[in-house]
Amino acid sequence: MEKEIISDVTEVLKDFFDKQDLDEIKTDSYGNVLGIMNGNRPDPCLVFDGPIDTVPVSDVNEWSKKPFGAEMKEPVFTTKKHQILRAV
């Protein structure tokens, strides 16, 4: 059942990206969808990434962080061109 739901979400994302007139749309074997819009400047790019699957929350008290809260952490990786951030 979970694979069917992920497949449905993959199709919704592909349809959405297609309507945005992106230059390229890729899907990997896990169902992740990547929409690419090529720029014409050498400036840094902005990438949004997020899971399309979920983990059920049984007992909230067993979690070390709020399961539906998000806290920005210090950059995990930084270069002149890249800064990888994570939310937990």
C-alpha atoms as a PDB file:
ATOM      1  CA  MET A   1       0.000   0.000   0.000  1.00  0.00           C
ATOM      2  CA  GLU A   2       2.787   2.497   0.913  1.00  0.00           C
ATOM      3  CA  LYS A   3       4.435   1.965  -2.497  1.00  0.00           C
ATOM      4  CA  GLU A   4       1.107   2.792  -4.198  1.00  0.00           C
ATOM      5  CA  ILE A   5       0.782   6.019  -2.177  1.00  0.00           C
ATOM      6  CA  ILE A   6       4.346   7.044  -3.035  1.00  0.00           C
ATOM      7  CA  SER A   7       3.619   6.284  -6.683  1.00  0.00           C
ATOM      8  CA  ASP A   8       0.533   8.539  -6.519  1.00  0.00           C
ATOM      9  CA  VAL A   9       2.546  11.357  -4.908  1.00  0.00           C
ATOM     10  CA  THR A  10       5.255  10.921  -7.550  1.00  0.00           C
ATOM     11  CA  GLU A  11       2.686  11.380 -10.318  1.00  0.00           C
ATOM     12  CA  VAL A  12       1.215  14.480  -8.650  1.00  0.00           C
ATOM     13  CA  LEU A  13       4.692  16.019  -8.352  1.00  0.00           C
ATOM     14  CA  LYS A  14       5.559  15.178 -11.955  1.00  0.00           C
ATOM     15  CA  ASP A  15       2.312  16.770 -13.154  1.00  0.00           C
ATOM     16  CA  PHE A  16       2.955  19.873 -11.045  1.00  0.00           C
ATOM     17  CA  PHE A  17       6.541  20.209 -12.291  1.00  0.00           C
ATOM     18  CA  ASP A  18       5.373  19.733 -15.874  1.00  0.00           C
ATOM     19  CA  LYS A  19       2.975  22.677 -15.509  1.00  0.00           C
ATOM     20  CA  GLN A  20       5.835  24.864 -14.214  1.00  0.00           C
ATOM     21  CA  ASP A  21       7.616  24.677 -17.570  1.00  0.00           C
ATOM     22  CA  LEU A  22      10.799  23.237 -16.090  1.00  0.00           C
ATOM     23  CA  ASP A  23      13.703  22.294 -18.323  1.00  0.00           C
ATOM     24  CA  GLU A  24      13.955  18.744 -17.076  1.00  0.00           C
ATOM     25  CA  ILE A  25      12.039  16.347 -14.816  1.00  0.00           C
ATOM     26  CA  LYS A  26      13.720  13.202 -13.477  1.00  0.00           C
ATOM     27  CA  THR A  27      12.378  10.348 -11.361  1.00  0.00           C
ATOM     28  CA  ASP A  28      14.591   7.797  -9.634  1.00  0.00           C
ATOM     29  CA  SER A  29      13.838   4.165  -8.782  1.00  0.00           C
ATOM     30  CA  TYR A  30      12.585   5.184  -5.307  1.00  0.00           C
ATOM     31  CA  GLY A  31       9.932   7.557  -6.670  1.00  0.00           C
ATOM     32  CA  ASN A  32      11.799  10.777  -5.857  1.00  0.00           C
ATOM     33  CA  VAL A  33      11.097  13.531  -8.381  1.00  0.00           C
ATOM     34  CA  LEU A  34      13.623  16.182  -9.361  1.00  0.00           C
ATOM     35  CA  GLY A  35      12.528  19.293 -11.268  1.00  0.00           C
ATOM     36  CA  ILE A  36      15.322  21.236 -12.943  1.00  0.00           C
ATOM     37  CA  MET A  37      15.151  24.837 -14.125  1.00  0.00           C
ATOM     38  CA  ASN A  38      18.383  25.843 -15.827  1.00  0.00           C
ATOM     39  CA  GLY A  39      19.555  29.354 -15.129  1.00  0.00           C
ATOM     40  CA  ASN A  40      21.761  31.568 -17.211  1.00  0.00           C
ATOM     41  CA  ARG A  41      23.918  32.942 -14.391  1.00  0.00           C
ATOM     42  CA  PRO A  42      26.759  31.349 -12.426  1.00  0.00           C
ATOM     43  CA  ASP A  43      25.128  32.339  -9.126  1.00  0.00           C
ATOM     44  CA  PRO A  44      24.390  29.731  -6.446  1.00  0.00           C
ATOM     45  CA  CYS A  45      21.200  27.754  -6.829  1.00  0.00           C
ATOM     46  CA  LEU A  46      18.427  27.037  -4.371  1.00  0.00           C
ATOM     47  CA  VAL A  47      17.308  23.460  -3.834  1.00  0.00           C
ATOM     48  CA  PHE A  48      14.254  22.323  -1.893  1.00  0.00           C
ATOM     49  CA  ASP A  49      14.205  18.714  -0.786  1.00  0.00           C
ATOM     50  CA  GLY A  50      11.665  16.830   1.234  1.00  0.00           C
ATOM     51  CA  PRO A  51      10.453  13.302   1.819  1.00  0.00           C
ATOM     52  CA  ILE A  52       7.345  12.023   0.108  1.00  0.00           C
ATOM     53  CA  ASP A  53       6.806   9.196   2.570  1.00  0.00           C
ATOM     54  CA  THR A  54       5.763   9.489   6.203  1.00  0.00           C
ATOM     55  CA  VAL A  55       6.286   7.646   9.458  1.00  0.00           C
ATOM     56  CA  PRO A  56       3.240   7.276  11.697  1.00  0.00           C
ATOM     57  CA  VAL A  57       3.408   8.981  15.088  1.00  0.00           C
ATOM     58  CA  SER A  58       2.315   6.556  17.756  1.00  0.00           C
ATOM     59  CA  ASP A  59       3.260   7.932  21.200  1.00  0.00           C
ATOM     60  CA  VAL A  60       4.451  11.551  20.984  1.00  0.00           C
ATOM     61  CA  ASN A  61       6.143  11.167  24.375  1.00  0.00           C
ATOM     62  CA  GLU A  62       8.577   8.626  22.911  1.00  0.00           C
ATOM     63  CA  TRP A  63      10.026  11.194  20.473  1.00  0.00           C
ATOM     64  CA  SER A  64      13.112  13.207  21.428  1.00  0.00           C
ATOM     65  CA  LYS A  65      11.887  16.101  19.204  1.00  0.00           C
ATOM     66  CA  LYS A  66       8.379  17.238  18.324  1.00  0.00           C
ATOM     67  CA  PRO A  67       7.438  14.989  15.381  1.00  0.00           C
ATOM     68  CA  PHE A  68       5.713  17.807  13.480  1.00  0.00           C
ATOM     69  CA  GLY A  69       7.945  20.628  14.671  1.00  0.00           C
ATOM     70  CA  ALA A  70      10.966  21.856  12.754  1.00  0.00           C
ATOM     71  CA  GLU A  71      14.136  23.369  14.137  1.00  0.00           C
ATOM     72  CA  MET A  72      16.798  24.802  11.863  1.00  0.00           C
ATOM     73  CA  LYS A  73      20.270  23.567  12.745  1.00  0.00           C
ATOM     74  CA  GLU A  74      23.664  24.995  11.911  1.00  0.00           C
ATOM     75  CA  PRO A  75      24.784  24.311   8.344  1.00  0.00           C
ATOM     76  CA  VAL A  76      25.912  20.722   7.903  1.00  0.00           C
ATOM     77  CA  PHE A  77      28.148  21.562   4.939  1.00  0.00           C
ATOM     78  CA  THR A  78      29.298  24.935   3.592  1.00  0.00           C
ATOM     79  CA  THR A  79      31.466  26.003   0.647  1.00  0.00           C
ATOM     80  CA  LYS A  80      31.589  29.191  -1.433  1.00  0.00           C
ATOM     81  CA  LYS A  81      28.804  27.806  -3.624  1.00  0.00           C
ATOM     82  CA  HIS A  82      26.862  25.487  -1.304  1.00  0.00           C
ATOM     83  CA  GLN A  83      25.283  25.574   2.090  1.00  0.00           C
ATOM     84  CA  ILE A  84      23.441  22.447   3.133  1.00  0.00           C
ATOM     85  CA  LEU A  85      20.950  23.036   5.947  1.00  0.00           C
ATOM     86  CA  ARG A  86      18.748  20.579   7.742  1.00  0.00           C
ATOM     87  CA  ALA A  87      15.587  20.846   9.722  1.00  0.00           C
ATOM     88  CA  VAL A  88      14.820  18.370  12.453  1.00  0.00           C
END
